[in-house]
PDB file of N, CA and C in Angstrom:
ATOM      1  N   MET A   1    -146.286   3.518 -18.539  1.00  0.00           N
ATOM      2  CA  MET A   1    -145.602   3.094 -17.328  1.00  0.00           C
ATOM      3  C   MET A   1    -146.260   1.833 -16.745  1.00  0.00           C
ATOM      4  N   LYS A   2    -147.601   1.818 -16.632  1.00  0.00           N
ATOM      5  CA  LYS A   2    -148.287   0.656 -16.069  1.00  0.00           C
ATOM      6  C   LYS A   2    -148.083  -0.580 -16.940  1.00  0.00           C
ATOM      7  N   ARG A   3    -148.048  -0.370 -18.251  1.00  0.00           N
ATOM      8  CA  ARG A   3    -147.855  -1.489 -19.168  1.00  0.00           C
ATOM      9  C   ARG A   3    -146.460  -2.098 -18.977  1.00  0.00           C
ATOM     10  N   THR A   4    -145.476  -1.272 -18.785  1.00  0.00           N
ATOM     11  CA  THR A   4    -144.107  -1.741 -18.568  1.00  0.00           C
ATOM     12  C   THR A   4    -144.020  -2.552 -17.273  1.00  0.00           C
ATOM     13  N   ILE A   5    -144.684  -2.092 -16.242  1.00  0.00           N
ATOM     14  CA  ILE A   5    -144.685  -2.819 -14.958  1.00  0.00           C
ATOM     15  C   ILE A   5    -145.376  -4.163 -15.124  1.00  0.00           C
ATOM     16  N   MET A   6    -146.514  -4.184 -15.817  1.00  0.00           N
ATOM     17  CA  MET A   6    -147.258  -5.424 -16.026  1.00  0.00           C
ATOM     18  C   MET A   6    -146.418  -6.423 -16.832  1.00  0.00           C
ATOM     19  N   ILE A   7    -145.736  -5.959 -17.857  1.00  0.00           N
ATOM     20  CA  ILE A   7    -144.868  -6.835 -18.653  1.00  0.00           C
ATOM     21  C   ILE A   7    -143.743  -7.379 -17.784  1.00  0.00           C
ATOM     22  N   GLY A   8    -143.191  -6.547 -16.922  1.00  0.00           N
ATOM     23  CA  GLY A   8    -142.135  -6.991 -16.004  1.00  0.00           C
ATOM     24  C   GLY A   8    -142.628  -8.067 -15.050  1.00  0.00           C
ATOM     25  N   ILE A   9    -143.825  -7.904 -14.534  1.00  0.00           N
ATOM     26  CA  ILE A   9    -144.396  -8.888 -13.608  1.00  0.00           C
ATOM     27  C   ILE A   9    -144.630 -10.215 -14.320  1.00  0.00           C
ATOM     28  N   ILE A  10    -145.196 -10.156 -15.511  1.00  0.00           N
ATOM     29  CA  ILE A  10    -145.436 -11.376 -16.282  1.00  0.00           C
ATOM     30  C   ILE A  10    -144.122 -12.069 -16.615  1.00  0.00           C
ATOM     31  N   PHE A  11    -143.128 -11.289 -17.034  1.00  0.00           N
ATOM     32  CA  PHE A  11    -141.812 -11.842 -17.357  1.00  0.00           C
ATOM     33  C   PHE A  11    -141.203 -12.525 -16.128  1.00  0.00           C
ATOM     34  N   ALA A  12    -141.289 -11.886 -14.977  1.00  0.00           N
ATOM     35  CA  ALA A  12    -140.738 -12.456 -13.746  1.00  0.00           C
ATOM     36  C   ALA A  12    -141.457 -13.755 -13.373  1.00  0.00           C
ATOM     37  N   ALA A  13    -142.776 -13.791 -13.562  1.00  0.00           N
ATOM     38  CA  ALA A  13    -143.539 -15.003 -13.256  1.00  0.00           C
ATOM     39  C   ALA A  13    -143.133 -16.149 -14.171  1.00  0.00           C
ATOM     40  N   VAL A  14    -143.005 -15.865 -15.447  1.00  0.00           N
ATOM     41  CA  VAL A  14    -142.607 -16.899 -16.403  1.00  0.00           C
ATOM     42  C   VAL A  14    -141.215 -17.424 -16.064  1.00  0.00           C
ATOM     43  N   ILE A  15    -140.288 -16.540 -15.807  1.00  0.00           N
ATOM     44  CA  ILE A  15    -138.927 -16.952 -15.439  1.00  0.00           C
ATOM     45  C   ILE A  15    -138.967 -17.776 -14.145  1.00  0.00           C
ATOM     46  N   GLY A  16    -139.784 -17.357 -13.193  1.00  0.00           N
ATOM     47  CA  GLY A  16    -139.909 -18.100 -11.941  1.00  0.00           C
ATOM     48  C   GLY A  16    -140.392 -19.521 -12.154  1.00  0.00           C
ATOM     49  N   PHE A  17    -141.376 -19.697 -13.031  1.00  0.00           N
ATOM     50  CA  PHE A  17    -141.884 -21.036 -13.321  1.00  0.00           C
ATOM     51  C   PHE A  17    -140.834 -21.891 -14.028  1.00  0.00           C
ATOM     52  N   LEU A  18    -140.009 -21.283 -14.835  1.00  0.00           N
ATOM     53  CA  LEU A  18    -138.989 -22.026 -15.566  1.00  0.00           C
ATOM     54  C   LEU A  18    -137.794 -22.374 -14.691  1.00  0.00           C
ATOM     55  N   VAL A  19    -137.464 -21.530 -13.734  1.00  0.00           N
ATOM     56  CA  VAL A  19    -136.283 -21.728 -12.910  1.00  0.00           C
ATOM     57  C   VAL A  19    -136.550 -22.659 -11.734  1.00  0.00           C
ATOM     58  N   VAL A  20    -137.692 -22.527 -11.097  1.00  0.00           N
ATOM     59  CA  VAL A  20    -138.024 -23.334  -9.924  1.00  0.00           C
ATOM     60  C   VAL A  20    -138.355 -24.747 -10.385  1.00  0.00           C
ATOM     61  N   PRO A  21    -137.660 -25.753  -9.865  1.00  0.00           N
ATOM     62  CA  PRO A  21    -137.928 -27.126 -10.296  1.00  0.00           C
ATOM     63  C   PRO A  21    -139.301 -27.598  -9.837  1.00  0.00           C
ATOM     64  N   ALA A  22    -139.969 -28.301 -10.719  1.00  0.00           N
ATOM     65  CA  ALA A  22    -141.288 -28.847 -10.395  1.00  0.00           C
ATOM     66  C   ALA A  22    -141.102 -30.147  -9.628  1.00  0.00           C
ATOM     67  N   SER A  23    -141.978 -30.385  -8.692  1.00  0.00           N
ATOM     68  CA  SER A  23    -141.946 -31.645  -7.951  1.00  0.00           C
ATOM     69  C   SER A  23    -143.359 -32.187  -7.879  1.00  0.00           C
ATOM     70  N   GLY A  24    -143.471 -33.471  -7.661  1.00  0.00           N
ATOM     71  CA  GLY A  24    -144.781 -34.104  -7.570  1.00  0.00           C
ATOM     72  C   GLY A  24    -145.521 -33.629  -6.335  1.00  0.00           C
ATOM     73  N   ALA A  25    -146.800 -33.444  -6.479  1.00  0.00           N
ATOM     74  CA  ALA A  25    -147.628 -33.008  -5.360  1.00  0.00           C
ATOM     75  C   ALA A  25    -148.309 -34.220  -4.747  1.00  0.00           C
ATOM     76  N   PHE A  26    -148.118 -34.402  -3.476  1.00  0.00           N
ATOM     77  CA  PHE A  26    -148.776 -35.489  -2.776  1.00  0.00           C
ATOM     78  C   PHE A  26    -149.974 -34.928  -2.041  1.00  0.00           C
ATOM     79  N   ALA A  27    -151.091 -35.565  -2.224  1.00  0.00           N
ATOM     80  CA  ALA A  27    -152.324 -35.093  -1.615  1.00  0.00           C
ATOM     81  C   ALA A  27    -152.410 -35.556  -0.166  1.00  0.00           C
ATOM     82  N   ASP A  28    -153.054 -34.761   0.656  1.00  0.00           N
ATOM     83  CA  ASP A  28    -153.313 -35.113   2.045  1.00  0.00           C
ATOM     84  C   ASP A  28    -154.756 -34.768   2.318  1.00  0.00           C
ATOM     85  N   ALA A  29    -155.571 -35.779   2.521  1.00  0.00           N
ATOM     86  CA  ALA A  29    -157.002 -35.560   2.665  1.00  0.00           C
ATOM     87  C   ALA A  29    -157.353 -34.834   3.956  1.00  0.00           C
ATOM     88  N   GLY A  30    -156.591 -35.004   5.014  1.00  0.00           N
ATOM     89  CA  GLY A  30    -156.922 -34.374   6.282  1.00  0.00           C
ATOM     90  C   GLY A  30    -157.959 -35.185   7.046  1.00  0.00           C
ATOM     91  N   SER A  31    -158.113 -34.885   8.315  1.00  0.00           N
ATOM     92  CA  SER A  31    -158.975 -35.704   9.173  1.00  0.00           C
ATOM     93  C   SER A  31    -160.463 -35.498   8.926  1.00  0.00           C
ATOM     94  N   ARG A  32    -160.868 -34.407   8.284  1.00  0.00           N
ATOM     95  CA  ARG A  32    -162.293 -34.149   8.065  1.00  0.00           C
ATOM     96  C   ARG A  32    -162.792 -34.633   6.701  1.00  0.00           C
ATOM     97  N   ALA A  33    -161.912 -35.200   5.916  1.00  0.00           N
ATOM     98  CA  ALA A  33    -162.274 -35.635   4.563  1.00  0.00           C
ATOM     99  C   ALA A  33    -163.135 -36.885   4.606  1.00  0.00           C
ATOM    100  N   SER A  34    -163.870 -37.092   3.531  1.00  0.00           N
ATOM    101  CA  SER A  34    -164.654 -38.318   3.406  1.00  0.00           C
ATOM    102  C   SER A  34    -163.701 -39.472   3.118  1.00  0.00           C
ATOM    103  N   CYS A  35    -164.224 -40.673   3.228  1.00  0.00           N
ATOM    104  CA  CYS A  35    -163.389 -41.835   2.930  1.00  0.00           C
ATOM    105  C   CYS A  35    -162.995 -41.857   1.456  1.00  0.00           C
ATOM    106  N   MET A  36    -163.806 -41.282   0.588  1.00  0.00           N
ATOM    107  CA  MET A  36    -163.422 -41.198  -0.827  1.00  0.00           C
ATOM    108  C   MET A  36    -162.212 -40.277  -0.968  1.00  0.00           C
ATOM    109  N   GLY A  37    -162.181 -39.195  -0.219  1.00  0.00           N
ATOM    110  CA  GLY A  37    -161.030 -38.297  -0.221  1.00  0.00           C
ATOM    111  C   GLY A  37    -159.784 -38.974   0.315  1.00  0.00           C
ATOM    112  N   HIS A  38    -159.948 -39.743   1.395  1.00  0.00           N
ATOM    113  CA  HIS A  38    -158.804 -40.475   1.952  1.00  0.00           C
ATOM    114  C   HIS A  38    -158.272 -41.489   0.952  1.00  0.00           C
ATOM    115  N   GLU A  39    -159.184 -42.204   0.294  1.00  0.00           N
ATOM    116  CA  GLU A  39    -158.755 -43.206  -0.681  1.00  0.00           C
ATOM    117  C   GLU A  39    -158.025 -42.545  -1.841  1.00  0.00           C
ATOM    118  N   ALA A  40    -158.598 -41.468  -2.355  1.00  0.00           N
ATOM    119  CA  ALA A  40    -157.981 -40.775  -3.488  1.00  0.00           C
ATOM    120  C   ALA A  40    -156.604 -40.232  -3.117  1.00  0.00           C
ATOM    121  N   SER A  41    -156.488 -39.639  -1.935  1.00  0.00           N
ATOM    122  CA  SER A  41    -155.196 -39.066  -1.557  1.00  0.00           C
ATOM    123  C   SER A  41    -154.161 -40.138  -1.245  1.00  0.00           C
ATOM    124  N   SER A  42    -154.601 -41.308  -0.816  1.00  0.00           N
ATOM    125  CA  SER A  42    -153.633 -42.348  -0.478  1.00  0.00           C
ATOM    126  C   SER A  42    -153.068 -43.051  -1.709  1.00  0.00           C
ATOM    127  N   VAL A  43    -153.753 -42.954  -2.843  1.00  0.00           N
ATOM    128  CA  VAL A  43    -153.259 -43.608  -4.059  1.00  0.00           C
ATOM    129  C   VAL A  43    -152.756 -42.599  -5.096  1.00  0.00           C
ATOM    130  N   SER A  44    -152.725 -41.324  -4.727  1.00  0.00           N
ATOM    131  CA  SER A  44    -152.292 -40.276  -5.658  1.00  0.00           C
ATOM    132  C   SER A  44    -150.965 -39.699  -5.201  1.00  0.00           C
ATOM    133  N   PRO A  45    -150.086 -39.401  -6.106  1.00  0.00           N
ATOM    134  CA  PRO A  45    -150.115 -39.653  -7.543  1.00  0.00           C
ATOM    135  C   PRO A  45    -149.863 -41.123  -7.828  1.00  0.00           C
ATOM    136  N   PRO A  46    -150.197 -41.571  -9.037  1.00  0.00           N
ATOM    137  CA  PRO A  46    -149.956 -42.978  -9.390  1.00  0.00           C
ATOM    138  C   PRO A  46    -148.507 -43.367  -9.103  1.00  0.00           C
ATOM    139  N   GLY A  47    -148.349 -44.564  -8.558  1.00  0.00           N
ATOM    140  CA  GLY A  47    -147.019 -45.052  -8.227  1.00  0.00           C
ATOM    141  C   GLY A  47    -146.620 -44.798  -6.788  1.00  0.00           C
ATOM    142  N   SER A  48    -147.425 -44.037  -6.054  1.00  0.00           N
ATOM    143  CA  SER A  48    -147.068 -43.711  -4.675  1.00  0.00           C
ATOM    144  C   SER A  48    -147.661 -44.683  -3.657  1.00  0.00           C
ATOM    145  N   SER A  49    -148.483 -45.622  -4.111  1.00  0.00           N
ATOM    146  CA  SER A  49    -149.143 -46.552  -3.199  1.00  0.00           C
ATOM    147  C   SER A  49    -148.838 -47.991  -3.591  1.00  0.00           C
ATOM    148  N   ASP A  50    -148.482 -48.813  -2.598  1.00  0.00           N
ATOM    149  CA  ASP A  50    -148.309 -50.241  -2.860  1.00  0.00           C
ATOM    150  C   ASP A  50    -149.669 -50.920  -3.000  1.00  0.00           C
ATOM    151  N   GLU A  51    -150.669 -50.377  -2.334  1.00  0.00           N
ATOM    152  CA  GLU A  51    -152.018 -50.956  -2.352  1.00  0.00           C
ATOM    153  C   GLU A  51    -152.634 -50.875  -3.753  1.00  0.00           C
ATOM    154  N   ILE A  52    -152.583 -49.698  -4.363  1.00  0.00           N
ATOM    155  CA  ILE A  52    -153.132 -49.484  -5.697  1.00  0.00           C
ATOM    156  C   ILE A  52    -152.123 -48.610  -6.455  1.00  0.00           C
ATOM    157  N   PRO A  53    -151.092 -49.228  -7.047  1.00  0.00           N
ATOM    158  CA  PRO A  53    -150.026 -48.451  -7.676  1.00  0.00           C
ATOM    159  C   PRO A  53    -150.467 -47.637  -8.893  1.00  0.00           C
ATOM    160  N   GLY A  54    -151.577 -48.011  -9.516  1.00  0.00           N
ATOM    161  CA  GLY A  54    -152.047 -47.295 -10.694  1.00  0.00           C
ATOM    162  C   GLY A  54    -152.851 -46.047 -10.384  1.00  0.00           C
ATOM    163  N   GLY A  55    -152.968 -45.687  -9.113  1.00  0.00           N
ATOM    164  CA  GLY A  55    -153.690 -44.477  -8.733  1.00  0.00           C
ATOM    165  C   GLY A  55    -155.195 -44.603  -8.892  1.00  0.00           C
ATOM    166  N   MET A  56    -155.851 -43.462  -9.037  1.00  0.00           N
ATOM    167  CA  MET A  56    -157.315 -43.450  -9.112  1.00  0.00           C
ATOM    168  C   MET A  56    -157.833 -44.159 -10.360  1.00  0.00           C
ATOM    169  N   HIS A  57    -157.074 -44.156 -11.431  1.00  0.00           N
ATOM    170  CA  HIS A  57    -157.506 -44.881 -12.628  1.00  0.00           C
ATOM    171  C   HIS A  57    -157.655 -46.367 -12.302  1.00  0.00           C
ATOM    172  N   GLN A  58    -156.681 -46.935 -11.617  1.00  0.00           N
ATOM    173  CA  GLN A  58    -156.752 -48.341 -11.227  1.00  0.00           C
ATOM    174  C   GLN A  58    -157.857 -48.563 -10.205  1.00  0.00           C
ATOM    175  N   PHE A  59    -158.057 -47.618  -9.299  1.00  0.00           N
ATOM    176  CA  PHE A  59    -159.113 -47.733  -8.292  1.00  0.00           C
ATOM    177  C   PHE A  59    -160.481 -47.824  -8.961  1.00  0.00           C
ATOM    178  N   THR A  60    -160.761 -46.925  -9.910  1.00  0.00           N
ATOM    179  CA  THR A  60    -162.066 -46.952 -10.579  1.00  0.00           C
ATOM    180  C   THR A  60    -162.232 -48.222 -11.410  1.00  0.00           C
ATOM    181  N   GLN A  61    -161.154 -48.689 -12.015  1.00  0.00           N
ATOM    182  CA  GLN A  61    -161.204 -49.933 -12.780  1.00  0.00           C
ATOM    183  C   GLN A  61    -161.497 -51.109 -11.848  1.00  0.00           C
ATOM    184  N   LEU A  62    -160.890 -51.126 -10.683  1.00  0.00           N
ATOM    185  CA  LEU A  62    -161.115 -52.173  -9.689  1.00  0.00           C
ATOM    186  C   LEU A  62    -162.581 -52.202  -9.243  1.00  0.00           C
ATOM    187  N   ILE A  63    -163.146 -51.028  -9.019  1.00  0.00           N
ATOM    188  CA  ILE A  63    -164.560 -50.950  -8.618  1.00  0.00           C
ATOM    189  C   ILE A  63    -165.447 -51.560  -9.700  1.00  0.00           C
ATOM    190  N   ARG A  64    -165.196 -51.207 -10.959  1.00  0.00           N
ATOM    191  CA  ARG A  64    -166.010 -51.749 -12.065  1.00  0.00           C
ATOM    192  C   ARG A  64    -165.870 -53.260 -12.180  1.00  0.00           C
ATOM    193  N   GLU A  65    -164.664 -53.788 -11.958  1.00  0.00           N
ATOM    194  CA  GLU A  65    -164.441 -55.233 -12.074  1.00  0.00           C
ATOM    195  C   GLU A  65    -165.037 -56.006 -10.902  1.00  0.00           C
ATOM    196  N   GLU A  66    -164.898 -55.467  -9.683  1.00  0.00           N
ATOM    197  CA  GLU A  66    -165.365 -56.169  -8.492  1.00  0.00           C
ATOM    198  C   GLU A  66    -166.888 -56.136  -8.323  1.00  0.00           C
ATOM    199  N   PHE A  67    -167.510 -55.067  -8.799  1.00  0.00           N
ATOM    200  CA  PHE A  67    -168.952 -54.895  -8.631  1.00  0.00           C
ATOM    201  C   PHE A  67    -169.605 -54.541  -9.966  1.00  0.00           C
ATOM    202  N   PRO A  68    -169.587 -55.466 -10.929  1.00  0.00           N
ATOM    203  CA  PRO A  68    -170.084 -55.130 -12.269  1.00  0.00           C
ATOM    204  C   PRO A  68    -171.578 -54.825 -12.337  1.00  0.00           C
ATOM    205  N   SER A  69    -172.364 -55.348 -11.412  1.00  0.00           N
ATOM    206  CA  SER A  69    -173.814 -55.136 -11.480  1.00  0.00           C
ATOM    207  C   SER A  69    -174.281 -53.905 -10.696  1.00  0.00           C
ATOM    208  N   VAL A  70    -173.365 -53.246 -10.006  1.00  0.00           N
ATOM    209  CA  VAL A  70    -173.713 -52.064  -9.208  1.00  0.00           C
ATOM    210  C   VAL A  70    -173.172 -50.823  -9.923  1.00  0.00           C
ATOM    211  N   PRO A  71    -174.012 -49.795 -10.075  1.00  0.00           N
ATOM    212  CA  PRO A  71    -173.492 -48.562 -10.698  1.00  0.00           C
ATOM    213  C   PRO A  71    -172.329 -47.996  -9.874  1.00  0.00           C
ATOM    214  N   ALA A  72    -171.265 -47.639 -10.563  1.00  0.00           N
ATOM    215  CA  ALA A  72    -170.071 -47.134  -9.871  1.00  0.00           C
ATOM    216  C   ALA A  72    -170.402 -45.913  -9.015  1.00  0.00           C
ATOM    217  N   GLY A  73    -171.299 -45.062  -9.489  1.00  0.00           N
ATOM    218  CA  GLY A  73    -171.681 -43.872  -8.729  1.00  0.00           C
ATOM    219  C   GLY A  73    -172.262 -44.215  -7.371  1.00  0.00           C
ATOM    220  N   ALA A  74    -173.005 -45.311  -7.286  1.00  0.00           N
ATOM    221  CA  ALA A  74    -173.583 -45.735  -6.002  1.00  0.00           C
ATOM    222  C   ALA A  74    -172.477 -46.135  -5.025  1.00  0.00           C
ATOM    223  N   ILE A  75    -171.453 -46.775  -5.540  1.00  0.00           N
ATOM    224  CA  ILE A  75    -170.336 -47.182  -4.683  1.00  0.00           C
ATOM    225  C   ILE A  75    -169.549 -45.965  -4.218  1.00  0.00           C
ATOM    226  N   TYR A  76    -169.236 -45.067  -5.155  1.00  0.00           N
ATOM    227  CA  TYR A  76    -168.495 -43.855  -4.782  1.00  0.00           C
ATOM    228  C   TYR A  76    -169.285 -43.027  -3.771  1.00  0.00           C
ATOM    229  N   SER A  77    -170.591 -42.944  -3.950  1.00  0.00           N
ATOM    230  CA  SER A  77    -171.442 -42.182  -3.040  1.00  0.00           C
ATOM    231  C   SER A  77    -171.409 -42.779  -1.639  1.00  0.00           C
ATOM    232  N   THR A  78    -171.464 -44.103  -1.576  1.00  0.00           N
ATOM    233  CA  THR A  78    -171.410 -44.783  -0.273  1.00  0.00           C
ATOM    234  C   THR A  78    -170.083 -44.508   0.423  1.00  0.00           C
ATOM    235  N   ILE A  79    -168.995 -44.612  -0.321  1.00  0.00           N
ATOM    236  CA  ILE A  79    -167.675 -44.357   0.256  1.00  0.00           C
ATOM    237  C   ILE A  79    -167.561 -42.895   0.692  1.00  0.00           C
ATOM    238  N   ALA A  80    -168.093 -41.992  -0.107  1.00  0.00           N
ATOM    239  CA  ALA A  80    -167.986 -40.557   0.190  1.00  0.00           C
ATOM    240  C   ALA A  80    -168.814 -40.148   1.402  1.00  0.00           C
ATOM    241  N   ARG A  81    -169.841 -40.899   1.739  1.00  0.00           N
ATOM    242  CA  ARG A  81    -170.666 -40.571   2.916  1.00  0.00           C
ATOM    243  C   ARG A  81    -169.970 -40.899   4.230  1.00  0.00           C
ATOM    244  N   LEU A  82    -168.971 -41.748   4.173  1.00  0.00           N
ATOM    245  CA  LEU A  82    -168.247 -42.132   5.395  1.00  0.00           C
ATOM    246  C   LEU A  82    -167.178 -41.108   5.707  1.00  0.00           C
ATOM    247  N   HIS A  83    -167.075 -40.752   6.957  1.00  0.00           N
ATOM    248  CA  HIS A  83    -166.053 -39.814   7.437  1.00  0.00           C
ATOM    249  C   HIS A  83    -165.405 -40.429   8.677  1.00  0.00           C
ATOM    250  N   GLU A  84    -164.520 -41.376   8.452  1.00  0.00           N
ATOM    251  CA  GLU A  84    -163.932 -42.141   9.548  1.00  0.00           C
ATOM    252  C   GLU A  84    -162.671 -41.517  10.137  1.00  0.00           C
ATOM    253  N   GLY A  85    -162.098 -40.533   9.465  1.00  0.00           N
ATOM    254  CA  GLY A  85    -160.950 -39.810  10.029  1.00  0.00           C
ATOM    255  C   GLY A  85    -159.580 -40.177   9.503  1.00  0.00           C
ATOM    256  N   SER A  86    -159.439 -41.361   8.909  1.00  0.00           N
ATOM    257  CA  SER A  86    -158.135 -41.741   8.354  1.00  0.00           C
ATOM    258  C   SER A  86    -158.348 -42.815   7.291  1.00  0.00           C
ATOM    259  N   HIS A  87    -157.335 -43.006   6.489  1.00  0.00           N
ATOM    260  CA  HIS A  87    -157.423 -44.024   5.445  1.00  0.00           C
ATOM    261  C   HIS A  87    -157.611 -45.412   6.067  1.00  0.00           C
ATOM    262  N   GLU A  88    -156.850 -45.702   7.102  1.00  0.00           N
ATOM    263  CA  GLU A  88    -156.919 -47.002   7.743  1.00  0.00           C
ATOM    264  C   GLU A  88    -158.311 -47.253   8.334  1.00  0.00           C
ATOM    265  N   ALA A  89    -158.875 -46.247   8.988  1.00  0.00           N
ATOM    266  CA  ALA A  89    -160.216 -46.387   9.569  1.00  0.00           C
ATOM    267  C   ALA A  89    -161.269 -46.559   8.474  1.00  0.00           C
ATOM    268  N   CYS A  90    -161.075 -45.902   7.362  1.00  0.00           N
ATOM    269  CA  CYS A  90    -162.002 -46.063   6.230  1.00  0.00           C
ATOM    270  C   CYS A  90    -161.922 -47.479   5.676  1.00  0.00           C
ATOM    271  N   ASP A  91    -160.692 -47.994   5.513  1.00  0.00           N
ATOM    272  CA  ASP A  91    -160.540 -49.361   5.026  1.00  0.00           C
ATOM    273  C   ASP A  91    -161.231 -50.345   5.971  1.00  0.00           C
ATOM    274  N   ALA A  92    -161.076 -50.142   7.268  1.00  0.00           N
ATOM    275  CA  ALA A  92    -161.707 -51.030   8.240  1.00  0.00           C
ATOM    276  C   ALA A  92    -163.231 -50.938   8.163  1.00  0.00           C
ATOM    277  N   ALA A  93    -163.766 -49.745   7.967  1.00  0.00           N
ATOM    278  CA  ALA A  93    -165.215 -49.567   7.892  1.00  0.00           C
ATOM    279  C   ALA A  93    -165.807 -50.187   6.628  1.00  0.00           C
ATOM    280  N   LEU A  94    -165.004 -50.271   5.588  1.00  0.00           N
ATOM    281  CA  LEU A  94    -165.493 -50.797   4.311  1.00  0.00           C
ATOM    282  C   LEU A  94    -165.269 -52.288   4.146  1.00  0.00           C
ATOM    283  N   GLU A  95    -164.636 -52.936   5.102  1.00  0.00           N
ATOM    284  CA  GLU A  95    -164.390 -54.387   4.999  1.00  0.00           C
ATOM    285  C   GLU A  95    -165.645 -55.170   5.237  1.00  0.00           C
TER     286      GLU A  95
END
């Protein structure tokens, strides 16, 4: 009996995933996120931002090109330490 119920639940879940249309998930960093979180959520998913249309892949590539002599981890760490409250405030703090 328990096995039949478990199979029914699994079957219903699979059917649910197939029937419900998938949609893109847009991230929202929230006001307590670090500036790295705000930056990541503002460019994700790729194509959702005019600023960096290639998403986080383009963002990391931009960091490597703009600051070739600085380890990327040091830059990400600096950005992540800032908690300015919004993407716009983070951009202003990093100018």
